[in-house]
N, C-alpha and C. Protein backbone atom coordinates (compact mmCIF):
# COMPACT_ATOMS: atom_id res chain seq x y z
N MET A 1 -40.95 -22.01 61.89
CA MET A 1 -39.51 -21.94 61.91
C MET A 1 -39.11 -21.05 63.08
N PRO A 2 -38.35 -21.56 64.02
CA PRO A 2 -37.90 -20.73 65.13
C PRO A 2 -36.98 -19.61 64.64
N PRO A 3 -36.94 -18.49 65.35
CA PRO A 3 -36.09 -17.38 64.93
C PRO A 3 -34.62 -17.76 64.73
N GLU A 4 -34.11 -18.69 65.52
CA GLU A 4 -32.71 -19.10 65.36
C GLU A 4 -32.49 -19.77 64.01
N ALA A 5 -33.44 -20.57 63.56
CA ALA A 5 -33.35 -21.21 62.25
C ALA A 5 -33.50 -20.17 61.14
N PHE A 6 -34.37 -19.18 61.34
CA PHE A 6 -34.50 -18.09 60.38
C PHE A 6 -33.17 -17.35 60.25
N GLU A 7 -32.54 -17.05 61.37
CA GLU A 7 -31.26 -16.34 61.35
C GLU A 7 -30.21 -17.13 60.58
N SER A 8 -30.13 -18.41 60.83
CA SER A 8 -29.17 -19.26 60.14
C SER A 8 -29.45 -19.30 58.63
N TYR A 9 -30.71 -19.35 58.26
CA TYR A 9 -31.09 -19.43 56.85
C TYR A 9 -30.84 -18.11 56.11
N ALA A 10 -31.19 -16.99 56.73
CA ALA A 10 -31.23 -15.72 56.01
C ALA A 10 -29.95 -14.89 56.08
N THR A 11 -29.18 -14.99 57.14
CA THR A 11 -28.02 -14.12 57.30
C THR A 11 -27.04 -14.30 56.15
N GLY A 12 -26.62 -13.17 55.59
CA GLY A 12 -25.68 -13.18 54.47
C GLY A 12 -26.35 -13.24 53.11
N LYS A 13 -27.68 -13.20 53.08
CA LYS A 13 -28.42 -13.29 51.82
C LYS A 13 -29.32 -12.07 51.63
N THR A 14 -29.67 -11.83 50.39
CA THR A 14 -30.75 -10.93 50.05
C THR A 14 -31.88 -11.82 49.54
N LEU A 15 -33.01 -11.77 50.22
CA LEU A 15 -34.17 -12.58 49.83
C LEU A 15 -35.21 -11.69 49.16
N TYR A 16 -35.78 -12.21 48.09
CA TYR A 16 -36.82 -11.51 47.34
C TYR A 16 -38.15 -12.17 47.65
N TYR A 17 -39.15 -11.34 47.98
CA TYR A 17 -40.45 -11.83 48.38
C TYR A 17 -41.52 -11.40 47.39
N GLY A 18 -42.54 -12.23 47.27
CA GLY A 18 -43.64 -11.90 46.39
C GLY A 18 -44.94 -12.48 46.91
N THR A 19 -46.00 -12.17 46.19
CA THR A 19 -47.32 -12.73 46.44
C THR A 19 -47.78 -13.35 45.12
N GLU A 20 -49.02 -13.77 45.06
CA GLU A 20 -49.54 -14.31 43.81
C GLU A 20 -49.56 -13.25 42.71
N GLN A 21 -49.53 -11.98 43.09
CA GLN A 21 -49.55 -10.89 42.11
C GLN A 21 -48.16 -10.56 41.56
N GLY A 22 -47.11 -11.08 42.14
CA GLY A 22 -45.76 -10.79 41.65
C GLY A 22 -44.80 -10.43 42.76
N VAL A 23 -43.61 -10.00 42.37
CA VAL A 23 -42.57 -9.64 43.34
C VAL A 23 -43.02 -8.43 44.14
N TYR A 24 -42.77 -8.48 45.43
CA TYR A 24 -43.26 -7.50 46.38
C TYR A 24 -42.14 -6.58 46.85
N GLY A 25 -40.99 -7.17 47.20
CA GLY A 25 -39.86 -6.41 47.71
C GLY A 25 -38.72 -7.35 48.04
N ALA A 26 -37.66 -6.79 48.63
CA ALA A 26 -36.48 -7.59 48.96
C ALA A 26 -35.90 -7.11 50.28
N GLU A 27 -35.22 -8.04 50.96
CA GLU A 27 -34.57 -7.69 52.22
C GLU A 27 -33.22 -8.37 52.29
N GLN A 28 -32.22 -7.57 52.66
CA GLN A 28 -30.87 -8.07 52.86
C GLN A 28 -30.69 -8.30 54.36
N TYR A 29 -30.21 -9.49 54.70
CA TYR A 29 -30.04 -9.87 56.11
C TYR A 29 -28.54 -9.85 56.42
N LEU A 30 -28.17 -8.91 57.27
CA LEU A 30 -26.78 -8.68 57.63
C LEU A 30 -26.46 -9.30 58.98
N PRO A 31 -25.17 -9.52 59.27
CA PRO A 31 -24.80 -10.01 60.60
C PRO A 31 -25.31 -9.06 61.69
N GLY A 32 -25.48 -9.59 62.88
CA GLY A 32 -25.94 -8.78 64.01
C GLY A 32 -27.41 -8.46 63.95
N ARG A 33 -28.17 -9.24 63.17
CA ARG A 33 -29.63 -9.07 63.04
C ARG A 33 -30.00 -7.71 62.47
N ARG A 34 -29.13 -7.16 61.62
CA ARG A 34 -29.43 -5.92 60.92
C ARG A 34 -30.02 -6.27 59.55
N VAL A 35 -30.89 -5.40 59.03
CA VAL A 35 -31.54 -5.65 57.75
C VAL A 35 -31.62 -4.36 56.94
N ILE A 36 -31.78 -4.56 55.64
CA ILE A 36 -32.12 -3.46 54.72
C ILE A 36 -33.29 -3.97 53.89
N TRP A 37 -34.42 -3.25 53.95
CA TRP A 37 -35.64 -3.65 53.24
C TRP A 37 -35.95 -2.63 52.15
N ALA A 38 -36.51 -3.07 51.05
CA ALA A 38 -37.00 -2.16 50.02
C ALA A 38 -38.20 -2.79 49.31
N PHE A 39 -39.30 -2.03 49.22
CA PHE A 39 -40.37 -2.37 48.31
C PHE A 39 -39.82 -2.11 46.91
N LEU A 40 -40.39 -2.72 45.91
CA LEU A 40 -39.92 -2.47 44.54
C LEU A 40 -40.00 -0.99 44.21
N ASP A 41 -38.94 -0.46 43.66
CA ASP A 41 -38.87 0.93 43.20
C ASP A 41 -39.08 1.96 44.30
N GLU A 42 -38.75 1.61 45.53
CA GLU A 42 -38.84 2.56 46.63
C GLU A 42 -37.50 2.60 47.36
N PRO A 43 -37.25 3.66 48.15
CA PRO A 43 -35.98 3.76 48.87
C PRO A 43 -35.81 2.62 49.88
N CYS A 44 -34.55 2.31 50.15
CA CYS A 44 -34.22 1.29 51.15
C CYS A 44 -34.46 1.82 52.56
N LYS A 45 -34.81 0.89 53.44
CA LYS A 45 -35.01 1.20 54.86
C LYS A 45 -34.11 0.29 55.66
N ARG A 46 -33.33 0.87 56.54
CA ARG A 46 -32.45 0.08 57.41
C ARG A 46 -33.18 -0.22 58.71
N GLY A 47 -32.87 -1.37 59.28
CA GLY A 47 -33.52 -1.74 60.53
C GLY A 47 -32.83 -2.90 61.21
N ILE A 48 -33.54 -3.45 62.16
CA ILE A 48 -33.07 -4.62 62.91
C ILE A 48 -34.23 -5.60 63.02
N TRP A 49 -33.88 -6.83 63.35
CA TRP A 49 -34.92 -7.80 63.70
C TRP A 49 -34.55 -8.43 65.04
N TYR A 50 -35.57 -8.95 65.71
CA TYR A 50 -35.35 -9.62 67.00
C TYR A 50 -36.46 -10.65 67.20
N PRO A 51 -36.16 -11.71 67.96
CA PRO A 51 -37.18 -12.74 68.19
C PRO A 51 -38.15 -12.34 69.29
N VAL A 52 -39.41 -12.72 69.09
CA VAL A 52 -40.45 -12.63 70.12
C VAL A 52 -41.19 -13.95 70.05
N GLY A 53 -40.87 -14.87 70.94
CA GLY A 53 -41.44 -16.21 70.86
C GLY A 53 -41.01 -16.86 69.56
N ASP A 54 -41.97 -17.35 68.78
CA ASP A 54 -41.67 -17.97 67.49
C ASP A 54 -41.72 -16.97 66.34
N GLN A 55 -41.93 -15.70 66.65
CA GLN A 55 -42.03 -14.68 65.60
C GLN A 55 -40.70 -13.96 65.43
N VAL A 56 -40.54 -13.38 64.24
CA VAL A 56 -39.40 -12.52 63.93
C VAL A 56 -39.97 -11.13 63.73
N CYS A 57 -39.51 -10.18 64.57
CA CYS A 57 -40.07 -8.83 64.55
C CYS A 57 -39.03 -7.85 64.02
N PHE A 58 -39.50 -6.93 63.20
CA PHE A 58 -38.64 -5.95 62.54
C PHE A 58 -39.02 -4.54 62.96
N VAL A 59 -38.01 -3.69 63.13
CA VAL A 59 -38.19 -2.26 63.35
C VAL A 59 -37.23 -1.56 62.41
N TYR A 60 -37.74 -0.55 61.70
CA TYR A 60 -36.94 0.17 60.71
C TYR A 60 -36.71 1.60 61.17
N ASP A 61 -35.58 2.17 60.74
CA ASP A 61 -35.21 3.53 61.15
C ASP A 61 -36.28 4.55 60.80
N THR A 62 -36.99 4.35 59.70
CA THR A 62 -37.98 5.32 59.24
C THR A 62 -39.39 5.04 59.75
N ASP A 63 -39.56 3.96 60.52
CA ASP A 63 -40.88 3.56 60.98
C ASP A 63 -40.75 2.92 62.37
N PRO A 64 -41.18 3.61 63.42
CA PRO A 64 -41.01 3.07 64.77
C PRO A 64 -41.92 1.89 65.10
N GLU A 65 -42.90 1.61 64.24
CA GLU A 65 -43.82 0.51 64.49
C GLU A 65 -43.13 -0.83 64.30
N THR A 66 -43.40 -1.78 65.19
CA THR A 66 -42.84 -3.13 65.08
C THR A 66 -43.71 -3.96 64.15
N HIS A 67 -43.04 -4.71 63.25
CA HIS A 67 -43.73 -5.59 62.30
C HIS A 67 -43.27 -7.01 62.57
N CYS A 68 -44.16 -7.87 63.04
CA CYS A 68 -43.80 -9.24 63.41
C CYS A 68 -44.36 -10.24 62.40
N TRP A 69 -43.54 -11.23 62.07
CA TRP A 69 -43.87 -12.25 61.08
C TRP A 69 -43.57 -13.62 61.64
N THR A 70 -44.31 -14.59 61.18
CA THR A 70 -44.00 -15.99 61.44
C THR A 70 -43.51 -16.58 60.13
N PHE A 71 -42.33 -17.17 60.17
CA PHE A 71 -41.72 -17.74 58.96
C PHE A 71 -41.85 -19.26 58.98
N TYR A 72 -42.05 -19.82 57.80
CA TYR A 72 -42.16 -21.27 57.60
C TYR A 72 -41.26 -21.66 56.43
N ARG A 73 -40.69 -22.84 56.50
CA ARG A 73 -39.96 -23.38 55.35
C ARG A 73 -40.97 -24.03 54.42
N SER A 74 -40.79 -23.78 53.13
CA SER A 74 -41.60 -24.47 52.13
C SER A 74 -40.63 -25.12 51.14
N GLY A 75 -41.15 -25.86 50.20
CA GLY A 75 -40.29 -26.55 49.26
C GLY A 75 -39.37 -25.63 48.48
N SER A 76 -39.81 -24.40 48.22
CA SER A 76 -39.02 -23.49 47.40
C SER A 76 -38.35 -22.38 48.20
N GLY A 77 -38.46 -22.38 49.51
CA GLY A 77 -37.84 -21.32 50.32
C GLY A 77 -38.67 -21.02 51.56
N LEU A 78 -38.89 -19.74 51.81
CA LEU A 78 -39.64 -19.31 52.99
C LEU A 78 -41.02 -18.81 52.62
N ARG A 79 -41.91 -18.93 53.59
CA ARG A 79 -43.23 -18.30 53.55
C ARG A 79 -43.33 -17.50 54.83
N ALA A 80 -43.94 -16.31 54.75
CA ALA A 80 -44.05 -15.45 55.92
C ALA A 80 -45.48 -14.97 56.07
N HIS A 81 -46.00 -15.07 57.30
CA HIS A 81 -47.35 -14.58 57.61
C HIS A 81 -47.21 -13.42 58.59
N PHE A 82 -47.86 -12.30 58.27
CA PHE A 82 -47.83 -11.11 59.10
C PHE A 82 -48.68 -11.32 60.34
N GLN A 83 -48.15 -10.91 61.49
CA GLN A 83 -48.83 -11.12 62.77
C GLN A 83 -50.22 -10.49 62.78
N GLY A 84 -50.37 -9.31 62.22
CA GLY A 84 -51.64 -8.60 62.29
C GLY A 84 -52.66 -9.08 61.27
N ASP A 85 -52.28 -10.04 60.42
CA ASP A 85 -53.18 -10.50 59.36
C ASP A 85 -52.96 -12.00 59.11
N PRO A 86 -53.26 -12.86 60.10
CA PRO A 86 -52.95 -14.28 59.96
C PRO A 86 -53.69 -14.98 58.82
N ASP A 87 -54.83 -14.42 58.38
CA ASP A 87 -55.57 -15.03 57.28
C ASP A 87 -55.23 -14.41 55.93
N GLY A 88 -54.36 -13.40 55.96
CA GLY A 88 -53.97 -12.74 54.71
C GLY A 88 -53.02 -13.59 53.89
N ALA A 89 -52.79 -13.15 52.67
CA ALA A 89 -51.89 -13.86 51.77
C ALA A 89 -50.46 -13.80 52.31
N PRO A 90 -49.77 -14.92 52.33
CA PRO A 90 -48.39 -14.91 52.84
C PRO A 90 -47.45 -14.29 51.82
N LEU A 91 -46.33 -13.80 52.31
CA LEU A 91 -45.22 -13.45 51.42
C LEU A 91 -44.46 -14.74 51.16
N ILE A 92 -44.01 -14.91 49.94
CA ILE A 92 -43.32 -16.12 49.53
C ILE A 92 -41.95 -15.74 49.01
N GLU A 93 -40.92 -16.45 49.44
CA GLU A 93 -39.59 -16.22 48.90
C GLU A 93 -39.60 -16.64 47.43
N VAL A 94 -39.28 -15.71 46.55
CA VAL A 94 -39.28 -16.00 45.11
C VAL A 94 -37.87 -16.00 44.53
N GLY A 95 -36.88 -15.67 45.36
CA GLY A 95 -35.50 -15.69 44.91
C GLY A 95 -34.58 -15.27 46.03
N GLN A 96 -33.29 -15.53 45.82
CA GLN A 96 -32.29 -15.11 46.79
C GLN A 96 -30.98 -14.87 46.08
N SER A 97 -30.14 -14.06 46.73
CA SER A 97 -28.85 -13.72 46.16
C SER A 97 -27.86 -13.47 47.28
N PRO A 98 -26.57 -13.75 47.05
CA PRO A 98 -25.54 -13.37 48.02
C PRO A 98 -25.14 -11.90 47.86
N ASP A 99 -25.64 -11.25 46.81
CA ASP A 99 -25.28 -9.86 46.53
C ASP A 99 -26.07 -8.90 47.42
N PRO A 100 -25.48 -7.73 47.71
CA PRO A 100 -26.20 -6.73 48.51
C PRO A 100 -27.43 -6.21 47.77
N LEU A 101 -28.35 -5.70 48.54
CA LEU A 101 -29.55 -5.08 47.98
C LEU A 101 -29.14 -3.78 47.29
N PHE A 102 -29.66 -3.53 46.12
CA PHE A 102 -29.37 -2.30 45.38
C PHE A 102 -30.19 -1.17 45.98
N CYS A 103 -29.49 -0.15 46.47
CA CYS A 103 -30.14 1.01 47.10
C CYS A 103 -29.71 2.27 46.38
N PRO A 104 -30.45 2.71 45.36
CA PRO A 104 -30.06 3.93 44.64
C PRO A 104 -30.28 5.17 45.47
N GLY A 105 -29.69 6.25 45.03
CA GLY A 105 -29.90 7.54 45.68
C GLY A 105 -28.99 7.74 46.86
N PRO A 106 -29.47 8.48 47.87
CA PRO A 106 -28.59 8.84 48.99
C PRO A 106 -28.19 7.67 49.86
N ASP A 107 -28.82 6.50 49.70
CA ASP A 107 -28.53 5.34 50.53
C ASP A 107 -27.68 4.34 49.78
N VAL A 108 -26.75 4.81 48.96
CA VAL A 108 -25.93 3.95 48.11
C VAL A 108 -25.02 3.09 48.96
N GLY A 109 -24.88 1.81 48.58
CA GLY A 109 -23.98 0.90 49.29
C GLY A 109 -24.60 0.28 50.50
N VAL A 110 -23.77 -0.47 51.19
CA VAL A 110 -24.21 -1.17 52.38
C VAL A 110 -23.54 -0.60 53.59
């Protein structure tokens, strides 16, 4: 899936990702390629995404390291493969919502 198609699909949604072991985390995709990510039961991290070739790369305020993913459409949503682990288990979209990501604590709201 090219980054432009990813942007069209994800912007304005909160997508929930999981693996075969269960739900992994969620990310809210905001206009202007801004994001809010949270692992389950952990604080939210704000960041941005940008295209690099066919990959979608993320940088978060709390982590200067770039995380690049290749996204694919599947019958039930998206599948994502991490650049540094192409043979690893993909993240799978397990749900989506138009509602903002819930960020308790000092990062309340959007």
